[in-house]
Amino acid sequence: MEQIAGGRFALTIMCLLSFADACCSPVLPEVLYVPMILLRPEKRWAYAFWCSAASVIGGVVGYGLGFWLWEHGLRELAFEHIPGFTPEWYAEISRWYGSNSFLWVWLGGFTPLPYKVFTVFAGVCHDKVDFWVFLLASTTSRFPRIYLTAWLLHRLGKPAFELLMKRSRAVILVLLGAALALVAWRQLA
């Protein structure tokens, strides 16, 4: 990966990875983003900007894919082939997601959770998830997360960053627990 990270198309490939990660790809942009920063630390903020912007744009495409695919066959496919996925279950999740769309999209964008799931599901729930709220949550989560990665690499170096990434599941559980507590509190209030 270091050979690609040092190549002349590294920025373009990183942006494509970031874009695709936000809507459909299982490959994280960090596989190229981190080596690029380690090779050229003086460019970390430019890399962070382009990676963040590509991610938000990819998230918008993910929202559009969810919207379009749900209306053009995904709904029927999901109800027929996903065990336990019923119209009632979908309606409940859609209501729950829609009433807290900023929070869920923000958590999906900031944590190591798969952001693409949140972008596509926001499009699926387009009648409950306002596009502008989605865009605000995406922007205010992706930019800080990606810039934080650059800052951590600069301040802590590669070994400390790798240790932090190994502990990311614990961070997810804490944030998810806080989100669920907030949702429960809002439902009871």
N, C-alpha and C. Protein backbone atom coordinates (compact mmCIF):
# COMPACT_ATOMS: atom_id res chain seq x y z
N MET A 1 0.82 -1.20 0.00
CA MET A 1 0.00 0.00 0.00
C MET A 1 0.87 1.26 0.00
N GLU A 2 2.07 1.15 0.58
CA GLU A 2 2.95 2.33 0.60
C GLU A 2 3.34 2.78 -0.80
N GLN A 3 3.46 1.83 -1.72
CA GLN A 3 3.80 2.20 -3.10
C GLN A 3 2.67 3.03 -3.71
N ILE A 4 1.43 2.64 -3.48
CA ILE A 4 0.29 3.43 -3.97
C ILE A 4 0.23 4.76 -3.24
N ALA A 5 0.45 4.74 -1.91
CA ALA A 5 0.38 5.96 -1.10
C ALA A 5 1.40 7.00 -1.56
N GLY A 6 2.52 6.56 -2.10
CA GLY A 6 3.54 7.49 -2.58
C GLY A 6 3.41 7.83 -4.05
N GLY A 7 2.45 7.22 -4.73
CA GLY A 7 2.29 7.43 -6.17
C GLY A 7 1.55 8.71 -6.51
N ARG A 8 1.58 9.05 -7.77
CA ARG A 8 0.97 10.32 -8.20
C ARG A 8 -0.55 10.30 -8.21
N PHE A 9 -1.17 9.10 -8.18
CA PHE A 9 -2.63 9.01 -8.16
C PHE A 9 -3.17 8.70 -6.77
N ALA A 10 -2.33 8.79 -5.76
CA ALA A 10 -2.74 8.44 -4.40
C ALA A 10 -3.94 9.24 -3.93
N LEU A 11 -3.92 10.55 -4.13
CA LEU A 11 -5.02 11.39 -3.67
C LEU A 11 -6.33 11.00 -4.37
N THR A 12 -6.27 10.76 -5.66
CA THR A 12 -7.46 10.37 -6.40
C THR A 12 -8.00 9.04 -5.91
N ILE A 13 -7.11 8.07 -5.73
CA ILE A 13 -7.54 6.75 -5.26
C ILE A 13 -8.11 6.85 -3.85
N MET A 14 -7.48 7.66 -2.98
CA MET A 14 -7.99 7.83 -1.62
C MET A 14 -9.39 8.43 -1.65
N CYS A 15 -9.59 9.44 -2.50
CA CYS A 15 -10.92 10.06 -2.60
C CYS A 15 -11.95 9.07 -3.11
N LEU A 16 -11.58 8.25 -4.06
CA LEU A 16 -12.50 7.22 -4.57
C LEU A 16 -12.84 6.20 -3.48
N LEU A 17 -11.83 5.81 -2.71
CA LEU A 17 -12.09 4.88 -1.59
C LEU A 17 -13.01 5.51 -0.56
N SER A 18 -12.78 6.77 -0.23
CA SER A 18 -13.61 7.46 0.75
C SER A 18 -15.04 7.61 0.26
N PHE A 19 -15.18 7.97 -1.01
CA PHE A 19 -16.50 8.09 -1.64
C PHE A 19 -17.23 6.76 -1.59
N ALA A 20 -16.57 5.70 -2.05
CA ALA A 20 -17.20 4.38 -2.11
C ALA A 20 -17.51 3.82 -0.73
N ASP A 21 -16.63 4.08 0.25
CA ASP A 21 -16.87 3.62 1.61
C ASP A 21 -18.16 4.19 2.18
N ALA A 22 -18.50 5.40 1.78
CA ALA A 22 -19.69 6.06 2.32
C ALA A 22 -21.00 5.57 1.71
N CYS A 23 -20.91 4.81 0.61
CA CYS A 23 -22.17 4.38 0.00
C CYS A 23 -22.23 2.90 -0.35
N CYS A 24 -21.10 2.23 -0.55
CA CYS A 24 -21.25 0.85 -1.02
C CYS A 24 -20.06 -0.08 -0.79
N SER A 25 -18.89 0.41 -0.50
CA SER A 25 -17.70 -0.44 -0.47
C SER A 25 -17.31 -0.86 0.95
N PRO A 26 -16.83 -2.10 1.09
CA PRO A 26 -16.34 -2.52 2.41
C PRO A 26 -14.91 -2.08 2.69
N VAL A 27 -14.23 -1.49 1.70
CA VAL A 27 -12.84 -1.07 1.87
C VAL A 27 -12.81 0.34 2.48
N LEU A 28 -12.17 0.47 3.61
CA LEU A 28 -12.08 1.75 4.30
C LEU A 28 -11.00 2.63 3.67
N PRO A 29 -11.21 3.94 3.61
CA PRO A 29 -10.19 4.81 3.03
C PRO A 29 -8.91 4.86 3.85
N GLU A 30 -9.00 4.50 5.13
CA GLU A 30 -7.83 4.52 6.00
C GLU A 30 -6.71 3.62 5.50
N VAL A 31 -7.04 2.60 4.71
CA VAL A 31 -5.98 1.72 4.20
C VAL A 31 -4.99 2.49 3.34
N LEU A 32 -5.43 3.59 2.76
CA LEU A 32 -4.54 4.44 1.97
C LEU A 32 -4.27 5.77 2.65
N TYR A 33 -5.29 6.30 3.33
CA TYR A 33 -5.19 7.60 4.00
C TYR A 33 -4.08 7.62 5.05
N VAL A 34 -4.01 6.59 5.88
CA VAL A 34 -3.00 6.53 6.94
C VAL A 34 -1.58 6.45 6.35
N PRO A 35 -1.31 5.55 5.40
CA PRO A 35 0.04 5.54 4.81
C PRO A 35 0.40 6.86 4.11
N MET A 36 -0.59 7.50 3.50
CA MET A 36 -0.31 8.78 2.84
C MET A 36 0.14 9.82 3.85
N ILE A 37 -0.53 9.88 4.99
CA ILE A 37 -0.16 10.84 6.03
C ILE A 37 1.21 10.50 6.62
N LEU A 38 1.46 9.22 6.81
CA LEU A 38 2.75 8.82 7.37
C LEU A 38 3.89 9.14 6.41
N LEU A 39 3.63 9.04 5.11
CA LEU A 39 4.67 9.36 4.12
C LEU A 39 4.85 10.86 3.91
N ARG A 40 3.75 11.60 3.98
CA ARG A 40 3.80 13.05 3.73
C ARG A 40 3.03 13.79 4.83
N PRO A 41 3.55 13.81 6.06
CA PRO A 41 2.82 14.42 7.17
C PRO A 41 2.50 15.90 6.96
N GLU A 42 3.31 16.60 6.17
CA GLU A 42 3.04 18.02 5.93
C GLU A 42 1.76 18.24 5.11
N LYS A 43 1.25 17.19 4.50
CA LYS A 43 0.02 17.29 3.69
C LYS A 43 -1.19 16.71 4.41
N ARG A 44 -1.06 16.40 5.69
CA ARG A 44 -2.14 15.72 6.41
C ARG A 44 -3.46 16.47 6.37
N TRP A 45 -3.42 17.82 6.49
CA TRP A 45 -4.68 18.58 6.53
C TRP A 45 -5.34 18.63 5.14
N ALA A 46 -4.55 18.70 4.10
CA ALA A 46 -5.12 18.65 2.73
C ALA A 46 -5.73 17.27 2.49
N TYR A 47 -5.02 16.22 2.89
CA TYR A 47 -5.56 14.86 2.74
C TYR A 47 -6.86 14.71 3.54
N ALA A 48 -6.86 15.26 4.75
CA ALA A 48 -8.06 15.17 5.59
C ALA A 48 -9.24 15.88 4.92
N PHE A 49 -8.99 17.05 4.34
CA PHE A 49 -10.08 17.77 3.68
C PHE A 49 -10.65 16.95 2.53
N TRP A 50 -9.79 16.47 1.64
CA TRP A 50 -10.27 15.74 0.46
C TRP A 50 -10.94 14.42 0.84
N CYS A 51 -10.41 13.74 1.82
CA CYS A 51 -11.00 12.49 2.28
C CYS A 51 -12.39 12.75 2.88
N SER A 52 -12.51 13.81 3.67
CA SER A 52 -13.79 14.18 4.30
C SER A 52 -14.82 14.58 3.25
N ALA A 53 -14.41 15.44 2.33
CA ALA A 53 -15.34 15.91 1.29
C ALA A 53 -15.83 14.74 0.44
N ALA A 54 -14.93 13.85 0.05
CA ALA A 54 -15.32 12.69 -0.76
C ALA A 54 -16.28 11.79 0.02
N SER A 55 -16.06 11.68 1.32
CA SER A 55 -16.93 10.85 2.15
C SER A 55 -18.34 11.43 2.24
N VAL A 56 -18.45 12.73 2.44
CA VAL A 56 -19.76 13.37 2.52
C VAL A 56 -20.49 13.24 1.18
N ILE A 57 -19.78 13.45 0.08
CA ILE A 57 -20.39 13.30 -1.24
C ILE A 57 -20.84 11.85 -1.45
N GLY A 58 -20.01 10.90 -1.05
CA GLY A 58 -20.40 9.49 -1.13
C GLY A 58 -21.61 9.19 -0.26
N GLY A 59 -21.70 9.84 0.89
CA GLY A 59 -22.87 9.68 1.75
C GLY A 59 -24.14 10.17 1.07
N VAL A 60 -24.04 11.28 0.35
CA VAL A 60 -25.20 11.80 -0.40
C VAL A 60 -25.62 10.78 -1.46
N VAL A 61 -24.65 10.18 -2.13
CA VAL A 61 -24.97 9.14 -3.12
C VAL A 61 -25.61 7.93 -2.43
N GLY A 62 -25.09 7.57 -1.25
CA GLY A 62 -25.68 6.47 -0.48
C GLY A 62 -27.13 6.75 -0.13
N TYR A 63 -27.42 7.98 0.28
CA TYR A 63 -28.80 8.39 0.57
C TYR A 63 -29.65 8.22 -0.69
N GLY A 64 -29.12 8.68 -1.82
CA GLY A 64 -29.85 8.56 -3.08
C GLY A 64 -30.07 7.11 -3.48
N LEU A 65 -29.05 6.27 -3.27
CA LEU A 65 -29.20 4.85 -3.58
C LEU A 65 -30.29 4.21 -2.71
N GLY A 66 -30.28 4.51 -1.43
CA GLY A 66 -31.31 3.98 -0.55
C GLY A 66 -32.70 4.41 -0.98
N PHE A 67 -32.82 5.68 -1.30
CA PHE A 67 -34.10 6.23 -1.76
C PHE A 67 -34.55 5.53 -3.04
N TRP A 68 -33.67 5.48 -4.03
CA TRP A 68 -34.03 4.94 -5.33
C TRP A 68 -34.25 3.43 -5.28
N LEU A 69 -33.33 2.70 -4.66
CA LEU A 69 -33.45 1.25 -4.63
C LEU A 69 -34.67 0.79 -3.85
N TRP A 70 -34.98 1.47 -2.75
CA TRP A 70 -36.14 1.09 -1.95
C TRP A 70 -37.42 1.23 -2.77
N GLU A 71 -37.48 2.27 -3.55
CA GLU A 71 -38.67 2.53 -4.37
C GLU A 71 -38.72 1.65 -5.63
N HIS A 72 -37.60 1.01 -5.98
CA HIS A 72 -37.53 0.23 -7.21
C HIS A 72 -37.13 -1.23 -6.98
N GLY A 73 -37.75 -1.87 -6.01
CA GLY A 73 -37.60 -3.30 -5.84
C GLY A 73 -36.95 -3.79 -4.57
N LEU A 74 -36.14 -2.95 -3.92
CA LEU A 74 -35.47 -3.41 -2.70
C LEU A 74 -36.48 -3.71 -1.59
N ARG A 75 -37.54 -2.92 -1.52
CA ARG A 75 -38.56 -3.13 -0.48
C ARG A 75 -39.12 -4.56 -0.57
N GLU A 76 -39.57 -4.95 -1.75
CA GLU A 76 -40.15 -6.28 -1.93
C GLU A 76 -39.10 -7.36 -1.67
N LEU A 77 -37.90 -7.17 -2.17
CA LEU A 77 -36.82 -8.12 -1.97
C LEU A 77 -36.52 -8.30 -0.48
N ALA A 78 -36.48 -7.19 0.25
CA ALA A 78 -36.18 -7.24 1.69
C ALA A 78 -37.28 -7.97 2.45
N PHE A 79 -38.53 -7.66 2.16
CA PHE A 79 -39.64 -8.30 2.88
C PHE A 79 -39.74 -9.79 2.56
N GLU A 80 -39.40 -10.17 1.34
CA GLU A 80 -39.52 -11.57 0.92
C GLU A 80 -38.33 -12.43 1.34
N HIS A 81 -37.13 -11.86 1.41
CA HIS A 81 -35.94 -12.69 1.57
C HIS A 81 -35.13 -12.47 2.84
N ILE A 82 -35.47 -11.49 3.64
CA ILE A 82 -34.75 -11.30 4.90
C ILE A 82 -35.63 -11.82 6.02
N PRO A 83 -35.20 -12.91 6.66
CA PRO A 83 -36.02 -13.51 7.73
C PRO A 83 -36.32 -12.49 8.83
N GLY A 84 -37.59 -12.40 9.18
CA GLY A 84 -38.01 -11.51 10.26
C GLY A 84 -38.21 -10.06 9.86
N PHE A 85 -37.84 -9.71 8.65
CA PHE A 85 -38.00 -8.33 8.20
C PHE A 85 -39.41 -8.17 7.64
N THR A 86 -40.28 -7.57 8.43
CA THR A 86 -41.68 -7.40 8.05
C THR A 86 -41.98 -5.92 7.84
N PRO A 87 -43.08 -5.61 7.18
CA PRO A 87 -43.47 -4.19 7.03
C PRO A 87 -43.63 -3.50 8.39
N GLU A 88 -44.12 -4.24 9.39
CA GLU A 88 -44.30 -3.65 10.72
C GLU A 88 -42.94 -3.34 11.36
N TRP A 89 -42.01 -4.27 11.22
CA TRP A 89 -40.67 -4.07 11.77
C TRP A 89 -40.00 -2.89 11.08
N TYR A 90 -40.13 -2.83 9.76
CA TYR A 90 -39.57 -1.71 9.00
C TYR A 90 -40.18 -0.38 9.47
N ALA A 91 -41.50 -0.35 9.64
CA ALA A 91 -42.18 0.89 10.06
C ALA A 91 -41.67 1.36 11.43
N GLU A 92 -41.46 0.41 12.33
CA GLU A 92 -40.97 0.76 13.67
C GLU A 92 -39.54 1.30 13.61
N ILE A 93 -38.68 0.62 12.87
CA ILE A 93 -37.29 1.08 12.74
C ILE A 93 -37.25 2.43 12.04
N SER A 94 -38.06 2.59 11.01
CA SER A 94 -38.11 3.85 10.27
C SER A 94 -38.56 4.99 11.18
N ARG A 95 -39.57 4.74 12.00
CA ARG A 95 -40.05 5.76 12.93
C ARG A 95 -38.97 6.10 13.94
N TRP A 96 -38.36 5.07 14.47
CA TRP A 96 -37.32 5.26 15.48
C TRP A 96 -36.12 6.00 14.88
N TYR A 97 -35.68 5.56 13.72
CA TYR A 97 -34.56 6.20 13.03
C TYR A 97 -34.91 7.62 12.63
N GLY A 98 -36.10 7.80 12.10
CA GLY A 98 -36.52 9.11 11.64
C GLY A 98 -36.62 10.14 12.74
N SER A 99 -37.06 9.73 13.93
CA SER A 99 -37.20 10.70 15.02
C SER A 99 -35.84 11.10 15.61
N ASN A 100 -34.81 10.34 15.29
CA ASN A 100 -33.46 10.63 15.79
C ASN A 100 -32.44 10.58 14.66
N SER A 101 -32.84 10.99 13.47
CA SER A 101 -31.99 10.81 12.28
C SER A 101 -30.65 11.53 12.41
N PHE A 102 -30.62 12.73 12.97
CA PHE A 102 -29.35 13.43 13.11
C PHE A 102 -28.40 12.59 13.96
N LEU A 103 -28.89 12.11 15.09
CA LEU A 103 -28.06 11.33 16.00
C LEU A 103 -27.52 10.07 15.34
N TRP A 104 -28.38 9.31 14.66
CA TRP A 104 -27.94 8.05 14.06
C TRP A 104 -26.97 8.28 12.92
N VAL A 105 -27.25 9.25 12.08
CA VAL A 105 -26.32 9.53 10.98
C VAL A 105 -25.00 10.05 11.54
N TRP A 106 -25.06 10.90 12.56
CA TRP A 106 -23.84 11.43 13.17
C TRP A 106 -23.01 10.30 13.77
N LEU A 107 -23.65 9.41 14.52
CA LEU A 107 -22.92 8.28 15.11
C LEU A 107 -22.32 7.39 14.03
N GLY A 108 -23.07 7.14 12.98
CA GLY A 108 -22.56 6.33 11.87
C GLY A 108 -21.38 7.00 11.19
N GLY A 109 -21.39 8.32 11.14
CA GLY A 109 -20.31 9.06 10.49
C GLY A 109 -19.08 9.27 11.35
N PHE A 110 -19.25 9.32 12.66
CA PHE A 110 -18.12 9.63 13.53
C PHE A 110 -17.43 8.39 14.10
N THR A 111 -18.20 7.36 14.37
CA THR A 111 -17.64 6.16 14.97
C THR A 111 -17.13 5.21 13.89
N PRO A 112 -16.46 4.15 14.28
CA PRO A 112 -16.03 3.15 13.28
C PRO A 112 -17.17 2.26 12.77
N LEU A 113 -18.41 2.57 13.13
CA LEU A 113 -19.54 1.83 12.57
C LEU A 113 -19.56 2.04 11.05
N PRO A 114 -20.16 1.11 10.31
CA PRO A 114 -20.17 1.27 8.84
C PRO A 114 -21.10 2.42 8.40
N TYR A 115 -20.49 3.54 8.11
CA TYR A 115 -21.22 4.75 7.72
C TYR A 115 -22.17 4.49 6.56
N LYS A 116 -21.78 3.64 5.62
CA LYS A 116 -22.60 3.35 4.44
C LYS A 116 -23.98 2.81 4.83
N VAL A 117 -24.05 2.03 5.90
CA VAL A 117 -25.34 1.49 6.35
C VAL A 117 -26.27 2.63 6.75
N PHE A 118 -25.71 3.63 7.42
CA PHE A 118 -26.52 4.76 7.88
C PHE A 118 -26.93 5.66 6.72
N THR A 119 -26.06 5.82 5.73
CA THR A 119 -26.41 6.68 4.59
C THR A 119 -27.50 6.04 3.74
N VAL A 120 -27.34 4.76 3.45
CA VAL A 120 -28.34 4.08 2.63
C VAL A 120 -29.66 3.98 3.38
N PHE A 121 -29.60 3.66 4.67
CA PHE A 121 -30.85 3.54 5.43
C PHE A 121 -31.55 4.89 5.56
N ALA A 122 -30.79 5.96 5.63
CA ALA A 122 -31.41 7.30 5.65
C ALA A 122 -32.20 7.53 4.36
N GLY A 123 -31.66 7.08 3.23
CA GLY A 123 -32.39 7.19 1.97
C GLY A 123 -33.61 6.29 1.93
N VAL A 124 -33.48 5.10 2.48
CA VAL A 124 -34.62 4.18 2.55
C VAL A 124 -35.74 4.84 3.36
N CYS A 125 -35.38 5.51 4.43
CA CYS A 125 -36.35 6.18 5.31
C CYS A 125 -36.53 7.65 4.93
N HIS A 126 -36.41 7.95 3.65
CA HIS A 126 -36.44 9.35 3.20
C HIS A 126 -37.69 10.11 3.63
N ASP A 127 -38.79 9.42 3.85
CA ASP A 127 -39.99 10.12 4.30
C ASP A 127 -39.88 10.55 5.76
N LYS A 128 -38.91 10.00 6.49
CA LYS A 128 -38.69 10.35 7.90
C LYS A 128 -37.39 11.10 8.13
N VAL A 129 -36.47 11.03 7.18
CA VAL A 129 -35.14 11.62 7.34
C VAL A 129 -34.99 12.78 6.36
N ASP A 130 -35.05 13.98 6.89
CA ASP A 130 -34.87 15.17 6.06
C ASP A 130 -33.47 15.19 5.47
N PHE A 131 -33.38 15.43 4.16
CA PHE A 131 -32.08 15.40 3.50
C PHE A 131 -31.11 16.41 4.11
N TRP A 132 -31.58 17.60 4.46
CA TRP A 132 -30.69 18.63 4.99
C TRP A 132 -30.18 18.27 6.39
N VAL A 133 -31.01 17.60 7.17
CA VAL A 133 -30.55 17.10 8.47
C VAL A 133 -29.49 16.02 8.24
N PHE A 134 -29.75 15.14 7.28
CA PHE A 134 -28.78 14.11 6.92
C PHE A 134 -27.45 14.74 6.52
N LEU A 135 -27.49 15.74 5.66
CA LEU A 135 -26.27 16.39 5.17
C LEU A 135 -25.52 17.08 6.31
N LEU A 136 -26.24 17.74 7.21
CA LEU A 136 -25.61 18.39 8.35
C LEU A 136 -24.95 17.35 9.27
N ALA A 137 -25.66 16.26 9.55
CA ALA A 137 -25.09 15.21 10.41
C ALA A 137 -23.87 14.57 9.76
N SER A 138 -23.93 14.35 8.46
CA SER A 138 -22.80 13.76 7.74
C SER A 138 -21.58 14.68 7.79
N THR A 139 -21.80 15.95 7.53
CA THR A 139 -20.70 16.91 7.49
C THR A 139 -20.08 17.10 8.88
N THR A 140 -20.93 17.20 9.90
CA THR A 140 -20.42 17.45 11.25
C THR A 140 -19.87 16.20 11.92
N SER A 141 -19.97 15.06 11.26
CA SER A 141 -19.36 13.84 11.81
C SER A 141 -18.15 13.39 11.00
N ARG A 142 -18.25 13.42 9.69
CA ARG A 142 -17.14 12.92 8.86
C ARG A 142 -15.91 13.82 8.93
N PHE A 143 -16.10 15.13 8.81
CA PHE A 143 -14.95 16.03 8.85
C PHE A 143 -14.20 15.90 10.18
N PRO A 144 -14.89 15.99 11.34
CA PRO A 144 -14.13 15.84 12.60
C PRO A 144 -13.47 14.48 12.75
N ARG A 145 -14.14 13.41 12.35
CA ARG A 145 -13.54 12.08 12.49
C ARG A 145 -12.27 11.95 11.66
N ILE A 146 -12.32 12.38 10.43
CA ILE A 146 -11.17 12.22 9.54
C ILE A 146 -10.04 13.16 9.94
N TYR A 147 -10.38 14.39 10.35
CA TYR A 147 -9.35 15.31 10.84
C TYR A 147 -8.75 14.80 12.15
N LEU A 148 -9.57 14.17 12.98
CA LEU A 148 -9.06 13.60 14.23
C LEU A 148 -8.05 12.49 13.95
N THR A 149 -8.30 11.70 12.92
CA THR A 149 -7.35 10.66 12.52
C THR A 149 -6.01 11.29 12.16
N ALA A 150 -6.04 12.35 11.36
CA ALA A 150 -4.80 13.03 10.96
C ALA A 150 -4.08 13.60 12.19
N TRP A 151 -4.83 14.21 13.08
CA TRP A 151 -4.24 14.80 14.28
C TRP A 151 -3.62 13.72 15.18
N LEU A 152 -4.35 12.60 15.35
CA LEU A 152 -3.83 11.51 16.17
C LEU A 152 -2.55 10.92 15.58
N LEU A 153 -2.53 10.76 14.27
CA LEU A 153 -1.31 10.26 13.63
C LEU A 153 -0.15 11.22 13.86
N HIS A 154 -0.43 12.51 13.79
CA HIS A 154 0.61 13.51 14.00
C HIS A 154 1.10 13.52 15.45
N ARG A 155 0.17 13.48 16.38
CA ARG A 155 0.52 13.61 17.80
C ARG A 155 1.03 12.31 18.42
N LEU A 156 0.41 11.19 18.05
CA LEU A 156 0.71 9.94 18.74
C LEU A 156 1.61 9.00 17.94
N GLY A 157 1.65 9.20 16.65
CA GLY A 157 2.45 8.31 15.82
C GLY A 157 1.72 7.02 15.48
N LYS A 158 2.31 6.25 14.62
CA LYS A 158 1.69 5.03 14.11
C LYS A 158 1.40 3.99 15.20
N PRO A 159 2.34 3.67 16.11
CA PRO A 159 2.05 2.62 17.11
C PRO A 159 0.87 2.96 18.02
N ALA A 160 0.80 4.20 18.49
CA ALA A 160 -0.31 4.60 19.37
C ALA A 160 -1.62 4.62 18.60
N PHE A 161 -1.58 5.04 17.35
CA PHE A 161 -2.78 5.07 16.52
C PHE A 161 -3.31 3.64 16.31
N GLU A 162 -2.41 2.69 16.05
CA GLU A 162 -2.83 1.30 15.86
C GLU A 162 -3.46 0.73 17.13
N LEU A 163 -2.92 1.07 18.29
CA LEU A 163 -3.50 0.64 19.56
C LEU A 163 -4.90 1.21 19.73
N LEU A 164 -5.08 2.48 19.41
CA LEU A 164 -6.39 3.12 19.51
C LEU A 164 -7.40 2.43 18.59
N MET A 165 -6.98 2.09 17.38
CA MET A 165 -7.88 1.44 16.44
C MET A 165 -8.29 0.05 16.93
N LYS A 166 -7.42 -0.62 17.65
CA LYS A 166 -7.76 -1.93 18.22
C LYS A 166 -8.83 -1.79 19.29
N ARG A 167 -8.88 -0.66 19.94
CA ARG A 167 -9.85 -0.41 21.01
C ARG A 167 -11.12 0.26 20.48
N SER A 168 -11.25 0.38 19.18
CA SER A 168 -12.39 1.10 18.61
C SER A 168 -13.72 0.43 18.92
N ARG A 169 -13.73 -0.88 19.10
CA ARG A 169 -14.99 -1.56 19.43
C ARG A 169 -15.52 -1.09 20.79
N ALA A 170 -14.65 -0.87 21.73
CA ALA A 170 -15.07 -0.36 23.04
C ALA A 170 -15.66 1.04 22.89
N VAL A 171 -15.04 1.86 22.06
CA VAL A 171 -15.56 3.21 21.82
C VAL A 171 -16.95 3.13 21.20
N ILE A 172 -17.14 2.22 20.25
CA ILE A 172 -18.44 2.05 19.61
C ILE A 172 -19.50 1.67 20.64
N LEU A 173 -19.17 0.71 21.51
CA LEU A 173 -20.14 0.27 22.50
C LEU A 173 -20.54 1.39 23.45
N VAL A 174 -19.58 2.19 23.87
CA VAL A 174 -19.88 3.31 24.76
C VAL A 174 -20.78 4.33 24.05
N LEU A 175 -20.43 4.70 22.83
CA LEU A 175 -21.24 5.67 22.08
C LEU A 175 -22.63 5.13 21.76
N LEU A 176 -22.71 3.86 21.39
CA LEU A 176 -23.99 3.24 21.10
C LEU A 176 -24.86 3.19 22.35
N GLY A 177 -24.25 2.86 23.47
CA GLY A 177 -24.98 2.85 24.74
C GLY A 177 -25.52 4.23 25.09
N ALA A 178 -24.70 5.25 24.89
CA ALA A 178 -25.14 6.62 25.15
C ALA A 178 -26.28 7.00 24.21
N ALA A 179 -26.19 6.61 22.95
CA ALA A 179 -27.24 6.92 21.98
C ALA A 179 -28.54 6.22 22.36
N LEU A 180 -28.45 4.96 22.74
CA LEU A 180 -29.66 4.23 23.14
C LEU A 180 -30.28 4.84 24.39
N ALA A 181 -29.46 5.25 25.33
CA ALA A 181 -29.98 5.91 26.53
C ALA A 181 -30.68 7.21 26.18
N LEU A 182 -30.11 7.98 25.25
CA LEU A 182 -30.73 9.22 24.81
C LEU A 182 -32.06 8.96 24.12
N VAL A 183 -32.10 7.96 23.27
CA VAL A 183 -33.35 7.62 22.58
C VAL A 183 -34.40 7.18 23.59
N ALA A 184 -34.03 6.32 24.53
CA ALA A 184 -34.98 5.87 25.54
C ALA A 184 -35.49 7.05 26.37
N TRP A 185 -34.60 7.94 26.73
CA TRP A 185 -35.00 9.12 27.51
C TRP A 185 -35.97 9.99 26.71
N ARG A 186 -35.71 10.19 25.42
CA ARG A 186 -36.60 10.99 24.58
C ARG A 186 -37.96 10.32 24.41
N GLN A 187 -37.97 8.99 24.35
CA GLN A 187 -39.24 8.26 24.17
C GLN A 187 -40.08 8.35 25.45
N LEU A 188 -39.42 8.39 26.58
CA LEU A 188 -40.15 8.45 27.87
C LEU A 188 -40.57 9.87 28.22
N ALA A 189 -39.89 10.85 27.67
CA ALA A 189 -40.19 12.25 28.02
C ALA A 189 -41.46 12.74 27.37
